[in-house]
Amino acid sequence: MKYDAIFIGYGQGAHSLSLKLAGEGWKVAMVEKDANNYGGSCINIGCIPTKVLEHDAQEGRIYADAVERRN
């Protein structure tokens, strides 16, 4: 199959642009190696401060250290 655009990594930017291009009739493919990373790392584990706290809690980190890392 041939595509007009291929996105590597399913982050927020790739998601938004792929929807726009697909809406304009482009054939679009997206490749993401981590099935648990739908939406990209920012939404799931990093950039949004509350997600940092959640991620650190799941990793068993000390709360004070997690808050310091978040800040």
N, C-alpha and C. Protein backbone atom coordinates (compact mmCIF):
# COMPACT_ATOMS: atom_id res chain seq x y z
N MET A 1 0.84 -1.17 0.00
CA MET A 1 0.00 0.00 0.00
C MET A 1 0.89 1.25 0.00
N LYS A 2 0.47 2.27 -0.67
CA LYS A 2 1.21 3.53 -0.72
C LYS A 2 0.49 4.58 0.10
N TYR A 3 1.29 5.43 0.78
CA TYR A 3 0.75 6.48 1.64
C TYR A 3 1.28 7.83 1.18
N ASP A 4 0.50 8.85 1.46
CA ASP A 4 0.94 10.22 1.20
C ASP A 4 1.75 10.77 2.36
N ALA A 5 1.49 10.26 3.56
CA ALA A 5 2.21 10.69 4.75
C ALA A 5 2.29 9.53 5.74
N ILE A 6 3.45 9.38 6.37
CA ILE A 6 3.64 8.37 7.40
C ILE A 6 4.18 9.08 8.64
N PHE A 7 3.50 8.88 9.76
CA PHE A 7 3.91 9.49 11.02
C PHE A 7 4.55 8.42 11.90
N ILE A 8 5.72 8.72 12.40
CA ILE A 8 6.41 7.81 13.32
C ILE A 8 6.27 8.39 14.72
N GLY A 9 5.54 7.67 15.55
CA GLY A 9 5.24 8.15 16.90
C GLY A 9 3.88 8.80 16.92
N TYR A 10 3.06 8.35 17.84
CA TYR A 10 1.68 8.82 17.88
C TYR A 10 1.49 9.88 18.96
N GLY A 11 2.17 10.99 18.79
CA GLY A 11 2.02 12.11 19.70
C GLY A 11 0.90 13.03 19.28
N GLN A 12 0.69 14.06 20.08
CA GLN A 12 -0.42 14.98 19.84
C GLN A 12 -0.30 15.67 18.48
N GLY A 13 0.90 16.08 18.11
CA GLY A 13 1.09 16.74 16.82
C GLY A 13 0.79 15.83 15.65
N ALA A 14 1.27 14.59 15.73
CA ALA A 14 1.01 13.63 14.66
C ALA A 14 -0.48 13.33 14.56
N HIS A 15 -1.13 13.21 15.69
CA HIS A 15 -2.56 12.94 15.70
C HIS A 15 -3.34 14.06 15.01
N SER A 16 -3.07 15.28 15.40
CA SER A 16 -3.78 16.44 14.83
C SER A 16 -3.54 16.57 13.33
N LEU A 17 -2.29 16.47 12.94
CA LEU A 17 -1.97 16.63 11.52
C LEU A 17 -2.50 15.48 10.68
N SER A 18 -2.44 14.26 11.21
CA SER A 18 -2.95 13.11 10.45
C SER A 18 -4.45 13.25 10.21
N LEU A 19 -5.19 13.72 11.21
CA LEU A 19 -6.63 13.93 11.01
C LEU A 19 -6.90 14.98 9.94
N LYS A 20 -6.13 16.05 9.98
CA LYS A 20 -6.30 17.13 8.99
C LYS A 20 -6.02 16.61 7.58
N LEU A 21 -4.90 15.91 7.42
CA LEU A 21 -4.54 15.41 6.10
C LEU A 21 -5.52 14.35 5.60
N ALA A 22 -5.93 13.45 6.50
CA ALA A 22 -6.90 12.42 6.11
C ALA A 22 -8.22 13.07 5.68
N GLY A 23 -8.59 14.13 6.36
CA GLY A 23 -9.80 14.86 6.00
C GLY A 23 -9.71 15.52 4.64
N GLU A 24 -8.48 15.76 4.18
CA GLU A 24 -8.25 16.35 2.86
C GLU A 24 -8.02 15.27 1.80
N GLY A 25 -8.23 14.01 2.18
CA GLY A 25 -8.13 12.92 1.22
C GLY A 25 -6.77 12.23 1.13
N TRP A 26 -5.83 12.59 1.98
CA TRP A 26 -4.53 11.94 1.98
C TRP A 26 -4.66 10.53 2.58
N LYS A 27 -3.82 9.62 2.09
CA LYS A 27 -3.69 8.31 2.71
C LYS A 27 -2.60 8.42 3.77
N VAL A 28 -2.98 8.18 5.02
CA VAL A 28 -2.09 8.43 6.15
C VAL A 28 -1.86 7.14 6.94
N ALA A 29 -0.61 6.92 7.35
CA ALA A 29 -0.27 5.79 8.23
C ALA A 29 0.42 6.35 9.46
N MET A 30 0.18 5.68 10.59
CA MET A 30 0.84 6.06 11.84
C MET A 30 1.50 4.82 12.42
N VAL A 31 2.72 5.00 12.92
CA VAL A 31 3.48 3.90 13.50
C VAL A 31 3.85 4.29 14.93
N GLU A 32 3.47 3.44 15.90
CA GLU A 32 3.81 3.67 17.29
C GLU A 32 4.24 2.34 17.89
N LYS A 33 5.46 2.27 18.42
CA LYS A 33 5.98 1.01 18.94
C LYS A 33 5.38 0.60 20.27
N ASP A 34 4.85 1.55 21.03
CA ASP A 34 4.34 1.27 22.36
C ASP A 34 2.81 1.37 22.39
N ALA A 35 2.14 0.25 22.51
CA ALA A 35 0.68 0.23 22.52
C ALA A 35 0.10 1.01 23.69
N ASN A 36 0.89 1.22 24.75
CA ASN A 36 0.43 1.95 25.92
C ASN A 36 0.70 3.44 25.82
N ASN A 37 1.29 3.88 24.71
CA ASN A 37 1.70 5.27 24.57
C ASN A 37 0.79 6.02 23.60
N TYR A 38 -0.46 5.63 23.53
CA TYR A 38 -1.42 6.27 22.64
C TYR A 38 -1.55 7.74 23.01
N GLY A 39 -1.24 8.61 22.10
CA GLY A 39 -1.31 10.04 22.36
C GLY A 39 0.03 10.68 22.65
N GLY A 40 1.08 9.87 22.76
CA GLY A 40 2.41 10.40 22.97
C GLY A 40 2.82 10.46 24.43
N SER A 41 4.10 10.67 24.65
CA SER A 41 4.63 10.66 26.01
C SER A 41 4.16 11.85 26.84
N CYS A 42 3.92 12.98 26.22
CA CYS A 42 3.52 14.16 26.97
C CYS A 42 2.22 13.91 27.73
N ILE A 43 1.25 13.37 27.06
CA ILE A 43 -0.04 13.10 27.68
C ILE A 43 0.06 11.96 28.68
N ASN A 44 0.86 10.95 28.39
CA ASN A 44 0.88 9.75 29.21
C ASN A 44 1.83 9.77 30.39
N ILE A 45 3.02 10.34 30.25
CA ILE A 45 3.99 10.22 31.34
C ILE A 45 4.81 11.46 31.65
N GLY A 46 4.62 12.55 30.94
CA GLY A 46 5.62 13.56 31.19
C GLY A 46 5.22 15.00 31.31
N CYS A 47 4.79 15.60 30.28
CA CYS A 47 4.70 17.06 30.24
C CYS A 47 3.59 17.64 31.11
N ILE A 48 2.54 16.92 31.28
CA ILE A 48 1.43 17.42 32.08
C ILE A 48 1.75 17.09 33.54
N PRO A 49 1.86 18.10 34.41
CA PRO A 49 2.34 17.87 35.78
C PRO A 49 1.63 16.76 36.54
N THR A 50 0.31 16.66 36.43
CA THR A 50 -0.39 15.61 37.18
C THR A 50 0.01 14.23 36.69
N LYS A 51 0.35 14.10 35.43
CA LYS A 51 0.78 12.81 34.90
C LYS A 51 2.13 12.42 35.46
N VAL A 52 2.98 13.40 35.72
CA VAL A 52 4.28 13.12 36.33
C VAL A 52 4.07 12.49 37.71
N LEU A 53 3.17 13.07 38.49
CA LEU A 53 2.89 12.53 39.82
C LEU A 53 2.32 11.12 39.73
N GLU A 54 1.40 10.91 38.80
CA GLU A 54 0.80 9.59 38.63
C GLU A 54 1.85 8.57 38.23
N HIS A 55 2.69 8.93 37.27
CA HIS A 55 3.74 8.03 36.81
C HIS A 55 4.70 7.69 37.93
N ASP A 56 5.14 8.69 38.68
CA ASP A 56 6.07 8.45 39.77
C ASP A 56 5.44 7.58 40.86
N ALA A 57 4.14 7.76 41.12
CA ALA A 57 3.45 6.93 42.10
C ALA A 57 3.45 5.47 41.65
N GLN A 58 3.19 5.24 40.37
CA GLN A 58 3.19 3.88 39.84
C GLN A 58 4.58 3.25 39.91
N GLU A 59 5.60 4.09 39.87
CA GLU A 59 6.98 3.60 39.96
C GLU A 59 7.44 3.44 41.41
N GLY A 60 6.58 3.84 42.36
CA GLY A 60 6.90 3.69 43.77
C GLY A 60 7.85 4.75 44.31
N ARG A 61 7.92 5.89 43.66
CA ARG A 61 8.81 6.95 44.12
C ARG A 61 8.22 7.67 45.33
N ILE A 62 9.08 8.25 46.12
CA ILE A 62 8.67 9.02 47.30
C ILE A 62 7.94 10.28 46.82
N TYR A 63 6.82 10.58 47.48
CA TYR A 63 5.97 11.69 47.05
C TYR A 63 6.72 13.01 46.98
N ALA A 64 7.50 13.33 47.99
CA ALA A 64 8.25 14.60 48.01
C ALA A 64 9.21 14.69 46.82
N ASP A 65 9.82 13.57 46.46
CA ASP A 65 10.71 13.55 45.30
C ASP A 65 9.93 13.75 44.00
N ALA A 66 8.74 13.15 43.96
CA ALA A 66 7.90 13.30 42.77
C ALA A 66 7.46 14.75 42.59
N VAL A 67 7.08 15.39 43.69
CA VAL A 67 6.67 16.80 43.63
C VAL A 67 7.83 17.66 43.19
N GLU A 68 9.00 17.40 43.71
CA GLU A 68 10.20 18.17 43.30
C GLU A 68 10.47 17.98 41.81
N ARG A 69 10.36 16.76 41.33
CA ARG A 69 10.59 16.49 39.90
C ARG A 69 9.53 17.20 39.06
N ARG A 70 8.29 17.17 39.52
CA ARG A 70 7.20 17.84 38.80
C ARG A 70 7.48 19.32 38.67
N ASN A 71 7.93 19.93 39.77
CA ASN A 71 8.18 21.38 39.78
C ASN A 71 9.37 21.74 38.93
